[in-house]
């Protein structure tokens, strides 16, 4: 494949991701994808054999990028709190940089993950979950995360808070990704309620 073909594939994937995110996969036609990049619908099939192949490439490529970023920036050698912060930061930055692909991944994977052609995507998604749960369990073992809360429940709450941020944040938002990372960690690890010093009763006066 020539560099020109590679660039065109990237253009098609980006255009498709935006259309899928806004209209849904079922309501998006190959013709619309072609029009978005300035080529005839039939030319799309030079790069992808079907619309489903585009969806599969979007999801698989997204998950490959996410896992590579986790490996580079959130290795297990980090202390659990530092690693969890790194995982949150990678996730939020990926969602910020690829909001449409993030939405396609969130909306579509649960419907197709058990299909044979999505075996690679399923394995990558399972690896993402393993990294999250491993980090949480390491924190519990180290005594820095609460042991009385289910790791899976904590993971789901934090995961959904991160991925759903694409619904309310937008490009150029003055509320930066770094600020969101700090707030996520503060809320989920330190809590939202003000911690007041426990008052001790004054000693009883002598009788």
N, C-alpha and C. Protein backbone atom coordinates (compact mmCIF):
# COMPACT_ATOMS: atom_id res chain seq x y z
N UNK A 1 0.85 -1.20 0.00
CA UNK A 1 0.00 0.00 0.00
C UNK A 1 0.88 1.25 0.00
N UNK A 2 0.58 2.17 -0.89
CA UNK A 2 1.38 3.39 -1.02
C UNK A 2 1.06 4.37 0.11
N UNK A 3 1.97 5.33 0.38
CA UNK A 3 1.66 6.35 1.38
C UNK A 3 0.37 7.10 1.08
N UNK A 4 0.10 7.31 -0.21
CA UNK A 4 -1.14 8.00 -0.60
C UNK A 4 -2.37 7.18 -0.21
N UNK A 5 -2.28 5.85 -0.42
CA UNK A 5 -3.38 4.97 -0.02
C UNK A 5 -3.55 4.97 1.49
N UNK A 6 -2.43 4.98 2.22
CA UNK A 6 -2.50 5.01 3.69
C UNK A 6 -3.17 6.28 4.18
N UNK A 7 -2.82 7.40 3.57
CA UNK A 7 -3.44 8.68 3.94
C UNK A 7 -4.93 8.66 3.63
N UNK A 8 -5.29 8.10 2.47
CA UNK A 8 -6.70 8.05 2.11
C UNK A 8 -7.49 7.16 3.07
N UNK A 9 -6.90 6.05 3.47
CA UNK A 9 -7.56 5.18 4.45
C UNK A 9 -7.81 5.94 5.76
N UNK A 10 -6.83 6.70 6.19
CA UNK A 10 -6.98 7.48 7.42
C UNK A 10 -8.10 8.50 7.27
N UNK A 11 -8.18 9.15 6.11
CA UNK A 11 -9.25 10.12 5.86
C UNK A 11 -10.61 9.44 5.92
N UNK A 12 -10.70 8.28 5.31
CA UNK A 12 -11.98 7.54 5.32
C UNK A 12 -12.36 7.16 6.74
N UNK A 13 -11.40 6.67 7.51
CA UNK A 13 -11.69 6.27 8.89
C UNK A 13 -12.14 7.47 9.73
N UNK A 14 -11.47 8.61 9.57
CA UNK A 14 -11.84 9.80 10.34
C UNK A 14 -13.25 10.28 9.96
N UNK A 15 -13.53 10.30 8.65
CA UNK A 15 -14.85 10.74 8.19
C UNK A 15 -15.93 9.78 8.66
N UNK A 16 -15.66 8.49 8.56
CA UNK A 16 -16.62 7.49 8.99
C UNK A 16 -16.88 7.59 10.49
N UNK A 17 -15.82 7.78 11.28
CA UNK A 17 -15.98 7.88 12.73
C UNK A 17 -16.91 9.04 13.09
N UNK A 18 -16.74 10.18 12.43
CA UNK A 18 -17.60 11.33 12.72
C UNK A 18 -19.04 11.05 12.33
N UNK A 19 -19.25 10.45 11.17
CA UNK A 19 -20.61 10.12 10.74
C UNK A 19 -21.24 9.07 11.65
N UNK A 20 -20.49 8.04 11.99
CA UNK A 20 -21.02 6.99 12.88
C UNK A 20 -21.39 7.57 14.24
N UNK A 21 -20.55 8.48 14.74
CA UNK A 21 -20.80 9.07 16.06
C UNK A 21 -22.06 9.93 16.04
N UNK A 22 -22.29 10.65 14.96
CA UNK A 22 -23.43 11.56 14.89
C UNK A 22 -24.73 10.88 14.45
N UNK A 23 -24.61 9.91 13.53
CA UNK A 23 -25.82 9.31 12.96
C UNK A 23 -26.05 7.87 13.38
N UNK A 24 -24.99 7.22 13.85
CA UNK A 24 -25.06 5.79 14.11
C UNK A 24 -24.58 5.01 12.90
N UNK A 25 -24.06 3.83 13.15
CA UNK A 25 -23.51 3.02 12.06
C UNK A 25 -24.61 2.61 11.08
N UNK A 26 -25.74 2.15 11.60
CA UNK A 26 -26.80 1.65 10.73
C UNK A 26 -27.36 2.72 9.81
N UNK A 27 -27.38 3.97 10.28
CA UNK A 27 -27.97 5.05 9.49
C UNK A 27 -26.98 5.74 8.56
N UNK A 28 -25.73 5.34 8.61
CA UNK A 28 -24.70 5.94 7.76
C UNK A 28 -24.47 5.06 6.54
N UNK A 29 -24.46 5.66 5.36
CA UNK A 29 -24.22 4.90 4.13
C UNK A 29 -22.78 5.06 3.65
N UNK A 30 -22.34 4.11 2.87
CA UNK A 30 -21.01 4.19 2.27
C UNK A 30 -20.93 5.42 1.36
N UNK A 31 -22.03 5.74 0.72
CA UNK A 31 -22.06 6.92 -0.15
C UNK A 31 -21.77 8.18 0.66
N UNK A 32 -22.34 8.29 1.85
CA UNK A 32 -22.10 9.47 2.69
C UNK A 32 -20.63 9.55 3.12
N UNK A 33 -20.06 8.41 3.41
CA UNK A 33 -18.64 8.39 3.79
C UNK A 33 -17.79 8.87 2.61
N UNK A 34 -18.11 8.36 1.42
CA UNK A 34 -17.37 8.78 0.23
C UNK A 34 -17.49 10.27 -0.02
N UNK A 35 -18.70 10.80 0.11
CA UNK A 35 -18.91 12.23 -0.10
C UNK A 35 -18.11 13.06 0.89
N UNK A 36 -17.95 12.56 2.10
CA UNK A 36 -17.21 13.30 3.13
C UNK A 36 -15.73 13.46 2.79
N UNK A 37 -15.20 12.52 2.01
CA UNK A 37 -13.78 12.59 1.64
C UNK A 37 -13.59 12.91 0.16
N UNK A 38 -14.70 13.17 -0.53
CA UNK A 38 -14.60 13.61 -1.92
C UNK A 38 -14.33 12.52 -2.93
N UNK A 39 -14.82 11.30 -2.67
CA UNK A 39 -14.67 10.22 -3.64
C UNK A 39 -16.01 9.51 -3.82
N UNK A 40 -16.15 8.78 -4.91
CA UNK A 40 -17.37 8.03 -5.15
C UNK A 40 -17.48 6.86 -4.18
N UNK A 41 -18.72 6.47 -3.90
CA UNK A 41 -18.92 5.37 -2.95
C UNK A 41 -18.18 4.12 -3.38
N UNK A 42 -18.19 3.84 -4.69
CA UNK A 42 -17.52 2.63 -5.17
C UNK A 42 -16.03 2.63 -4.89
N UNK A 43 -15.43 3.82 -4.82
CA UNK A 43 -13.99 3.91 -4.57
C UNK A 43 -13.64 3.51 -3.14
N UNK A 44 -14.61 3.61 -2.24
CA UNK A 44 -14.37 3.21 -0.85
C UNK A 44 -13.92 1.75 -0.81
N UNK A 45 -14.50 0.92 -1.68
CA UNK A 45 -14.21 -0.51 -1.64
C UNK A 45 -12.80 -0.85 -2.12
N UNK A 46 -12.10 0.13 -2.65
CA UNK A 46 -10.68 -0.06 -2.96
C UNK A 46 -9.85 -0.12 -1.67
N UNK A 47 -10.38 0.52 -0.63
CA UNK A 47 -9.66 0.63 0.64
C UNK A 47 -10.24 -0.28 1.72
N UNK A 48 -11.54 -0.50 1.70
CA UNK A 48 -12.21 -1.35 2.68
C UNK A 48 -13.24 -2.21 1.97
N UNK A 49 -13.32 -3.50 2.27
CA UNK A 49 -14.27 -4.37 1.57
C UNK A 49 -15.73 -4.13 1.93
N UNK A 50 -15.99 -3.47 3.08
CA UNK A 50 -17.37 -3.26 3.50
C UNK A 50 -17.43 -2.17 4.57
N UNK A 51 -18.64 -1.72 4.86
CA UNK A 51 -18.81 -0.75 5.93
C UNK A 51 -18.42 -1.38 7.27
N UNK A 52 -18.75 -2.65 7.45
CA UNK A 52 -18.38 -3.31 8.70
C UNK A 52 -16.88 -3.36 8.87
N UNK A 53 -16.15 -3.50 7.78
CA UNK A 53 -14.69 -3.52 7.86
C UNK A 53 -14.16 -2.18 8.36
N UNK A 54 -14.85 -1.10 7.99
CA UNK A 54 -14.46 0.23 8.49
C UNK A 54 -14.69 0.30 9.99
N UNK A 55 -15.86 -0.18 10.43
CA UNK A 55 -16.17 -0.18 11.87
C UNK A 55 -15.14 -1.00 12.63
N UNK A 56 -14.82 -2.16 12.11
CA UNK A 56 -13.87 -3.05 12.77
C UNK A 56 -12.49 -2.41 12.86
N UNK A 57 -12.06 -1.78 11.78
CA UNK A 57 -10.76 -1.10 11.77
C UNK A 57 -10.74 0.05 12.76
N UNK A 58 -11.84 0.80 12.84
CA UNK A 58 -11.92 1.92 13.79
C UNK A 58 -11.76 1.43 15.22
N UNK A 59 -12.52 0.40 15.58
CA UNK A 59 -12.51 -0.10 16.95
C UNK A 59 -11.17 -0.74 17.29
N UNK A 60 -10.67 -1.58 16.39
CA UNK A 60 -9.42 -2.28 16.64
C UNK A 60 -8.25 -1.30 16.73
N UNK A 61 -8.19 -0.36 15.79
CA UNK A 61 -7.12 0.63 15.82
C UNK A 61 -7.15 1.49 17.06
N UNK A 62 -8.36 1.85 17.47
CA UNK A 62 -8.52 2.66 18.67
C UNK A 62 -7.98 1.91 19.89
N UNK A 63 -8.34 0.64 20.02
CA UNK A 63 -7.92 -0.14 21.17
C UNK A 63 -6.43 -0.44 21.14
N UNK A 64 -5.86 -0.61 19.96
CA UNK A 64 -4.42 -0.81 19.86
C UNK A 64 -3.67 0.44 20.35
N UNK A 65 -4.16 1.60 19.95
CA UNK A 65 -3.54 2.85 20.39
C UNK A 65 -3.66 3.01 21.91
N UNK A 66 -4.83 2.71 22.44
CA UNK A 66 -5.07 2.85 23.88
C UNK A 66 -4.16 1.93 24.67
N UNK A 67 -4.04 0.68 24.26
CA UNK A 67 -3.18 -0.26 24.97
C UNK A 67 -1.71 0.13 24.88
N UNK A 68 -1.30 0.62 23.72
CA UNK A 68 0.09 1.05 23.57
C UNK A 68 0.40 2.22 24.49
N UNK A 69 -0.55 3.14 24.65
CA UNK A 69 -0.36 4.28 25.54
C UNK A 69 -0.33 3.84 27.00
N UNK A 70 -1.17 2.89 27.37
CA UNK A 70 -1.13 2.36 28.74
C UNK A 70 0.24 1.74 29.02
N UNK A 71 0.74 0.95 28.07
CA UNK A 71 2.03 0.28 28.26
C UNK A 71 3.16 1.29 28.42
N UNK A 72 3.08 2.38 27.67
CA UNK A 72 4.16 3.37 27.70
C UNK A 72 4.09 4.28 28.91
N UNK A 73 2.87 4.65 29.32
CA UNK A 73 2.72 5.70 30.33
C UNK A 73 2.15 5.22 31.67
N UNK A 74 1.65 3.99 31.70
CA UNK A 74 1.08 3.48 32.95
C UNK A 74 1.61 2.07 33.23
N UNK A 75 2.93 1.89 33.28
CA UNK A 75 3.49 0.55 33.54
C UNK A 75 3.20 0.11 34.98
N UNK A 76 3.23 -1.18 35.19
CA UNK A 76 2.87 -1.71 36.50
C UNK A 76 3.89 -1.35 37.57
N UNK A 77 5.10 -0.96 37.17
CA UNK A 77 6.13 -0.61 38.17
C UNK A 77 5.77 0.66 38.94
N UNK A 78 4.84 1.47 38.43
CA UNK A 78 4.41 2.67 39.15
C UNK A 78 3.65 2.27 40.41
N UNK A 79 3.69 3.12 41.42
CA UNK A 79 2.86 2.91 42.61
C UNK A 79 1.40 2.95 42.18
N UNK A 80 0.51 2.20 42.86
CA UNK A 80 -0.87 2.07 42.41
C UNK A 80 -1.59 3.40 42.16
N UNK A 81 -1.45 4.36 43.07
CA UNK A 81 -2.15 5.63 42.86
C UNK A 81 -1.59 6.36 41.63
N UNK A 82 -0.27 6.35 41.48
CA UNK A 82 0.35 7.00 40.33
C UNK A 82 -0.05 6.29 39.04
N UNK A 83 -0.13 4.96 39.10
CA UNK A 83 -0.52 4.22 37.89
C UNK A 83 -1.98 4.49 37.54
N UNK A 84 -2.85 4.52 38.55
CA UNK A 84 -4.25 4.81 38.27
C UNK A 84 -4.40 6.20 37.66
N UNK A 85 -3.65 7.14 38.19
CA UNK A 85 -3.70 8.49 37.62
C UNK A 85 -3.25 8.48 36.17
N UNK A 86 -2.20 7.70 35.87
CA UNK A 86 -1.71 7.62 34.50
C UNK A 86 -2.74 6.97 33.58
N UNK A 87 -3.39 5.93 34.06
CA UNK A 87 -4.44 5.27 33.28
C UNK A 87 -5.58 6.24 32.98
N UNK A 88 -5.99 6.99 34.01
CA UNK A 88 -7.06 7.99 33.82
C UNK A 88 -6.62 9.05 32.81
N UNK A 89 -5.39 9.51 32.94
CA UNK A 89 -4.91 10.56 32.04
C UNK A 89 -4.84 10.07 30.60
N UNK A 90 -4.30 8.88 30.38
CA UNK A 90 -4.24 8.32 29.03
C UNK A 90 -5.64 8.19 28.45
N UNK A 91 -6.57 7.69 29.24
CA UNK A 91 -7.94 7.49 28.77
C UNK A 91 -8.61 8.80 28.39
N UNK A 92 -8.47 9.81 29.25
CA UNK A 92 -9.10 11.10 28.98
C UNK A 92 -8.46 11.80 27.79
N UNK A 93 -7.14 11.71 27.66
CA UNK A 93 -6.48 12.35 26.53
C UNK A 93 -6.85 11.65 25.22
N UNK A 94 -6.96 10.34 25.26
CA UNK A 94 -7.37 9.61 24.06
C UNK A 94 -8.79 9.98 23.67
N UNK A 95 -9.67 10.08 24.66
CA UNK A 95 -11.05 10.48 24.37
C UNK A 95 -11.11 11.90 23.83
N UNK A 96 -10.24 12.77 24.36
CA UNK A 96 -10.21 14.16 23.92
C UNK A 96 -9.68 14.27 22.48
N UNK A 97 -8.67 13.46 22.15
CA UNK A 97 -8.06 13.52 20.83
C UNK A 97 -8.87 12.76 19.78
N UNK A 98 -9.59 11.73 20.20
CA UNK A 98 -10.37 10.90 19.27
C UNK A 98 -11.81 10.74 19.77
N UNK A 99 -12.55 11.84 19.90
CA UNK A 99 -13.90 11.74 20.47
C UNK A 99 -14.86 10.88 19.65
N UNK A 100 -14.76 10.96 18.34
CA UNK A 100 -15.68 10.18 17.50
C UNK A 100 -15.35 8.69 17.56
N UNK A 101 -14.07 8.35 17.47
CA UNK A 101 -13.68 6.95 17.57
C UNK A 101 -14.01 6.40 18.96
N UNK A 102 -13.86 7.25 19.99
CA UNK A 102 -14.22 6.83 21.35
C UNK A 102 -15.69 6.48 21.42
N UNK A 103 -16.53 7.30 20.81
CA UNK A 103 -17.98 7.04 20.86
C UNK A 103 -18.34 5.79 20.07
N UNK A 104 -17.71 5.60 18.92
CA UNK A 104 -17.98 4.39 18.14
C UNK A 104 -17.59 3.15 18.95
N UNK A 105 -16.44 3.21 19.59
CA UNK A 105 -15.98 2.09 20.43
C UNK A 105 -16.98 1.82 21.54
N UNK A 106 -17.43 2.86 22.22
CA UNK A 106 -18.35 2.68 23.33
C UNK A 106 -19.72 2.18 22.86
N UNK A 107 -20.18 2.68 21.72
CA UNK A 107 -21.52 2.33 21.25
C UNK A 107 -21.58 0.96 20.58
N UNK A 108 -20.51 0.56 19.91
CA UNK A 108 -20.58 -0.61 19.04
C UNK A 108 -19.97 -1.89 19.59
N UNK A 109 -18.93 -1.79 20.40
CA UNK A 109 -18.21 -3.01 20.77
C UNK A 109 -19.09 -4.02 21.48
N UNK A 110 -19.95 -3.53 22.36
CA UNK A 110 -20.79 -4.47 23.12
C UNK A 110 -21.71 -5.28 22.20
N UNK A 111 -22.01 -4.75 21.01
CA UNK A 111 -22.91 -5.44 20.09
C UNK A 111 -22.19 -6.44 19.19
N UNK A 112 -20.88 -6.29 19.06
CA UNK A 112 -20.16 -7.11 18.07
C UNK A 112 -19.00 -7.91 18.66
N UNK A 113 -18.70 -7.73 19.94
CA UNK A 113 -17.48 -8.29 20.50
C UNK A 113 -17.42 -9.82 20.43
N UNK A 114 -18.58 -10.49 20.35
CA UNK A 114 -18.57 -11.94 20.31
C UNK A 114 -18.58 -12.50 18.89
N UNK A 115 -18.57 -11.64 17.88
CA UNK A 115 -18.50 -12.10 16.51
C UNK A 115 -17.07 -12.53 16.19
N UNK A 116 -16.90 -13.60 15.41
CA UNK A 116 -15.54 -14.10 15.13
C UNK A 116 -14.60 -13.06 14.55
N UNK A 117 -15.12 -12.20 13.68
CA UNK A 117 -14.25 -11.21 13.03
C UNK A 117 -13.80 -10.11 13.98
N UNK A 118 -14.42 -10.04 15.16
CA UNK A 118 -14.02 -9.04 16.15
C UNK A 118 -13.20 -9.66 17.28
N UNK A 119 -12.63 -10.82 17.02
CA UNK A 119 -11.86 -11.52 18.06
C UNK A 119 -10.68 -10.67 18.55
N UNK A 120 -10.01 -10.02 17.63
CA UNK A 120 -8.87 -9.17 17.99
C UNK A 120 -9.32 -7.98 18.84
N UNK A 121 -10.42 -7.34 18.45
CA UNK A 121 -10.94 -6.21 19.22
C UNK A 121 -11.35 -6.64 20.62
N UNK A 122 -11.98 -7.81 20.73
CA UNK A 122 -12.40 -8.31 22.04
C UNK A 122 -11.19 -8.54 22.94
N UNK A 123 -10.12 -9.13 22.39
CA UNK A 123 -8.91 -9.39 23.18
C UNK A 123 -8.29 -8.08 23.65
N UNK A 124 -8.29 -7.08 22.80
CA UNK A 124 -7.73 -5.77 23.18
C UNK A 124 -8.59 -5.10 24.26
N UNK A 125 -9.92 -5.20 24.12
CA UNK A 125 -10.81 -4.63 25.13
C UNK A 125 -10.65 -5.34 26.47
N UNK A 126 -10.47 -6.65 26.43
CA UNK A 126 -10.23 -7.41 27.67
C UNK A 126 -8.92 -6.98 28.34
N UNK A 127 -7.93 -6.66 27.52
CA UNK A 127 -6.65 -6.20 28.06
C UNK A 127 -6.79 -4.84 28.74
N UNK A 128 -7.59 -3.95 28.14
CA UNK A 128 -7.87 -2.65 28.76
C UNK A 128 -8.48 -2.85 30.14
N UNK A 129 -9.48 -3.72 30.21
CA UNK A 129 -10.13 -3.97 31.50
C UNK A 129 -9.16 -4.60 32.50
N UNK A 130 -8.32 -5.50 32.01
CA UNK A 130 -7.35 -6.15 32.91
C UNK A 130 -6.43 -5.12 33.53
N UNK A 131 -5.95 -4.16 32.75
CA UNK A 131 -5.04 -3.14 33.27
C UNK A 131 -5.73 -2.32 34.36
N UNK A 132 -6.97 -1.92 34.11
CA UNK A 132 -7.72 -1.16 35.13
C UNK A 132 -7.86 -1.97 36.42
N UNK A 133 -8.36 -3.20 36.29
CA UNK A 133 -8.62 -4.00 37.49
C UNK A 133 -7.33 -4.38 38.21
N UNK A 134 -6.28 -4.66 37.46
CA UNK A 134 -4.99 -4.97 38.06
C UNK A 134 -4.48 -3.80 38.90
N UNK A 135 -4.63 -2.59 38.38
CA UNK A 135 -4.18 -1.40 39.10
C UNK A 135 -4.97 -1.21 40.39
N UNK A 136 -6.28 -1.41 40.31
CA UNK A 136 -7.13 -1.28 41.49
C UNK A 136 -6.79 -2.35 42.53
N UNK A 137 -6.62 -3.58 42.08
CA UNK A 137 -6.29 -4.67 43.01
C UNK A 137 -4.91 -4.46 43.64
N UNK A 138 -3.96 -3.95 42.88
CA UNK A 138 -2.64 -3.66 43.44
C UNK A 138 -2.74 -2.59 44.53
N UNK A 139 -3.62 -1.62 44.31
CA UNK A 139 -3.82 -0.57 45.31
C UNK A 139 -4.43 -1.12 46.58
N UNK A 140 -5.35 -2.05 46.43
CA UNK A 140 -5.94 -2.68 47.62
C UNK A 140 -4.88 -3.49 48.38
N UNK A 141 -4.08 -4.24 47.64
CA UNK A 141 -3.05 -5.06 48.28
C UNK A 141 -2.03 -4.21 49.00
N UNK A 142 -1.77 -3.01 48.47
CA UNK A 142 -0.80 -2.10 49.10
C UNK A 142 -1.41 -1.31 50.25
N UNK A 143 -2.73 -1.44 50.43
CA UNK A 143 -3.39 -0.73 51.51
C UNK A 143 -3.69 0.72 51.23
N UNK A 144 -3.66 1.14 49.94
CA UNK A 144 -3.93 2.54 49.62
C UNK A 144 -5.32 2.74 49.01
N UNK A 145 -5.98 1.66 48.58
CA UNK A 145 -7.36 1.72 48.11
C UNK A 145 -8.22 0.89 49.05
N UNK A 146 -9.47 1.28 49.19
CA UNK A 146 -10.38 0.60 50.11
C UNK A 146 -10.68 -0.82 49.66
N UNK A 147 -10.59 -1.74 50.62
CA UNK A 147 -10.82 -3.15 50.32
C UNK A 147 -12.29 -3.52 50.42
N UNK A 148 -13.12 -2.63 51.01
CA UNK A 148 -14.53 -2.97 51.22
C UNK A 148 -15.42 -2.63 50.03
N UNK A 149 -14.86 -2.06 48.96
CA UNK A 149 -15.63 -1.73 47.76
C UNK A 149 -15.17 -2.64 46.63
N UNK A 150 -16.12 -3.22 45.94
CA UNK A 150 -15.81 -4.12 44.84
C UNK A 150 -14.94 -3.43 43.79
N UNK A 151 -13.89 -4.11 43.38
CA UNK A 151 -13.00 -3.56 42.35
C UNK A 151 -13.76 -3.35 41.04
N UNK A 152 -14.64 -4.28 40.70
CA UNK A 152 -15.40 -4.15 39.46
C UNK A 152 -16.36 -2.98 39.50
N UNK A 153 -16.98 -2.76 40.66
CA UNK A 153 -17.91 -1.63 40.79
C UNK A 153 -17.15 -0.31 40.70
N UNK A 154 -16.03 -0.21 41.41
CA UNK A 154 -15.22 1.02 41.35
C UNK A 154 -14.76 1.27 39.92
N UNK A 155 -14.30 0.21 39.26
CA UNK A 155 -13.84 0.32 37.88
C UNK A 155 -14.95 0.84 36.97
N UNK A 156 -16.16 0.30 37.12
CA UNK A 156 -17.26 0.71 36.25
C UNK A 156 -17.64 2.17 36.46
N UNK A 157 -17.69 2.60 37.71
CA UNK A 157 -18.02 4.00 37.99
C UNK A 157 -16.97 4.94 37.38
N UNK A 158 -15.70 4.65 37.62
CA UNK A 158 -14.64 5.52 37.12
C UNK A 158 -14.55 5.46 35.60
N UNK A 159 -14.63 4.26 35.05
CA UNK A 159 -14.57 4.09 33.60
C UNK A 159 -15.67 4.88 32.89
N UNK A 160 -16.91 4.75 33.40
CA UNK A 160 -18.03 5.45 32.76
C UNK A 160 -17.90 6.96 32.89
N UNK A 161 -17.40 7.42 34.03
CA UNK A 161 -17.20 8.87 34.20
C UNK A 161 -16.22 9.40 33.16
N UNK A 162 -15.21 8.61 32.86
CA UNK A 162 -14.20 9.03 31.89
C UNK A 162 -14.74 9.00 30.47
N UNK A 163 -15.27 7.85 30.05
CA UNK A 163 -15.70 7.72 28.66
C UNK A 163 -16.89 8.62 28.34
N UNK A 164 -17.78 8.84 29.30
CA UNK A 164 -18.94 9.68 29.03
C UNK A 164 -18.60 11.16 29.02
N UNK A 165 -17.35 11.51 29.36
CA UNK A 165 -16.96 12.91 29.31
C UNK A 165 -17.02 13.46 27.88
N UNK A 166 -16.97 12.57 26.89
CA UNK A 166 -17.07 13.03 25.50
C UNK A 166 -18.45 13.59 25.19
N UNK A 167 -19.43 13.29 26.04
CA UNK A 167 -20.79 13.78 25.82
C UNK A 167 -20.94 15.25 26.20
N UNK A 168 -20.09 15.73 27.11
CA UNK A 168 -20.27 17.11 27.58
C UNK A 168 -19.06 18.01 27.39
N UNK A 169 -17.90 17.42 27.09
CA UNK A 169 -16.74 18.26 26.78
C UNK A 169 -16.63 18.43 25.28
N UNK A 170 -15.99 19.53 24.86
CA UNK A 170 -15.85 19.79 23.43
C UNK A 170 -14.47 20.37 23.16
N UNK A 171 -14.09 20.36 21.90
CA UNK A 171 -12.79 20.87 21.50
C UNK A 171 -12.66 22.34 21.91
N UNK A 172 -11.53 22.67 22.52
CA UNK A 172 -11.30 24.05 22.95
C UNK A 172 -11.94 24.39 24.28
N UNK A 173 -12.47 23.40 24.98
CA UNK A 173 -13.08 23.64 26.29
C UNK A 173 -12.03 24.26 27.23
N UNK A 174 -12.37 25.39 27.89
CA UNK A 174 -11.39 25.99 28.81
C UNK A 174 -11.08 25.09 30.01
N UNK A 175 -11.97 24.15 30.29
CA UNK A 175 -11.72 23.16 31.34
C UNK A 175 -10.82 22.10 30.73
N UNK A 176 -9.55 22.14 31.05
CA UNK A 176 -8.56 21.33 30.35
C UNK A 176 -8.61 19.86 30.77
N UNK A 177 -7.99 19.03 29.94
CA UNK A 177 -7.91 17.61 30.25
C UNK A 177 -7.13 17.39 31.54
N UNK A 178 -6.07 18.14 31.74
CA UNK A 178 -5.29 18.02 32.97
C UNK A 178 -6.14 18.33 34.19
N UNK A 179 -6.97 19.36 34.11
CA UNK A 179 -7.86 19.69 35.23
C UNK A 179 -8.86 18.58 35.47
N UNK A 180 -9.37 17.99 34.38
CA UNK A 180 -10.32 16.88 34.53
C UNK A 180 -9.66 15.67 35.16
N UNK A 181 -8.42 15.39 34.77
CA UNK A 181 -7.68 14.29 35.38
C UNK A 181 -7.56 14.51 36.89
N UNK A 182 -7.15 15.71 37.28
CA UNK A 182 -6.98 16.02 38.70
C UNK A 182 -8.30 15.88 39.45
N UNK A 183 -9.38 16.37 38.86
CA UNK A 183 -10.68 16.30 39.53
C UNK A 183 -11.18 14.87 39.64
N UNK A 184 -10.98 14.06 38.60
CA UNK A 184 -11.39 12.66 38.65
C UNK A 184 -10.68 11.92 39.78
N UNK A 185 -9.37 12.09 39.85
CA UNK A 185 -8.60 11.43 40.88
C UNK A 185 -9.01 11.92 42.27
N UNK A 186 -9.20 13.23 42.40
CA UNK A 186 -9.58 13.80 43.70
C UNK A 186 -10.93 13.27 44.16
N UNK A 187 -11.90 13.24 43.25
CA UNK A 187 -13.25 12.80 43.63
C UNK A 187 -13.28 11.31 43.93
N UNK A 188 -12.70 10.50 43.03
CA UNK A 188 -12.81 9.06 43.19
C UNK A 188 -11.89 8.48 44.26
N UNK A 189 -10.76 9.14 44.52
CA UNK A 189 -9.85 8.60 45.52
C UNK A 189 -9.92 9.35 46.85
N UNK A 190 -10.23 10.63 46.81
CA UNK A 190 -10.24 11.41 48.05
C UNK A 190 -11.64 11.78 48.52
N UNK A 191 -12.64 11.65 47.65
CA UNK A 191 -14.01 11.95 48.04
C UNK A 191 -14.40 13.39 47.78
N UNK A 192 -15.70 13.66 47.91
CA UNK A 192 -16.24 15.00 47.63
C UNK A 192 -16.62 15.74 48.90
N UNK A 193 -16.90 14.99 49.96
CA UNK A 193 -17.30 15.62 51.22
C UNK A 193 -16.10 16.26 51.90
N UNK A 194 -16.35 17.38 52.56
CA UNK A 194 -15.30 18.06 53.33
C UNK A 194 -14.98 17.21 54.55
N UNK A 195 -13.72 16.99 54.76
CA UNK A 195 -13.31 16.20 55.93
C UNK A 195 -13.07 17.14 57.09
N UNK A 196 -13.84 16.99 58.10
CA UNK A 196 -13.71 17.84 59.28
C UNK A 196 -12.99 17.07 60.37
N UNK A 197 -12.19 17.79 61.10
CA UNK A 197 -11.48 17.16 62.21
C UNK A 197 -12.49 16.71 63.26
N UNK A 198 -12.32 15.49 63.72
CA UNK A 198 -13.24 14.98 64.74
C UNK A 198 -13.01 15.70 66.07
N UNK A 199 -14.09 16.22 66.62
CA UNK A 199 -13.97 16.95 67.88
C UNK A 199 -13.90 15.98 69.04
N UNK A 200 -12.99 16.28 69.94
CA UNK A 200 -12.90 15.45 71.15
C UNK A 200 -13.60 16.17 72.29
N UNK A 201 -14.24 15.42 73.11
CA UNK A 201 -14.94 16.03 74.25
C UNK A 201 -13.94 16.55 75.27
N UNK A 202 -14.19 17.73 75.78
CA UNK A 202 -13.30 18.26 76.83
C UNK A 202 -13.41 17.39 78.07
N UNK A 203 -12.36 17.30 78.81
CA UNK A 203 -12.44 16.49 80.03
C UNK A 203 -13.49 17.03 80.99
N UNK A 204 -14.16 16.12 81.70
CA UNK A 204 -15.21 16.51 82.64
C UNK A 204 -14.57 17.29 83.79
N UNK A 205 -15.23 18.34 84.25
CA UNK A 205 -14.67 19.14 85.36
C UNK A 205 -14.63 18.28 86.63
N UNK A 206 -13.68 18.53 87.48
CA UNK A 206 -13.60 17.74 88.74
C UNK A 206 -14.80 18.03 89.61
N UNK A 207 -15.27 17.03 90.31
CA UNK A 207 -16.41 17.21 91.21
C UNK A 207 -15.93 17.59 92.59
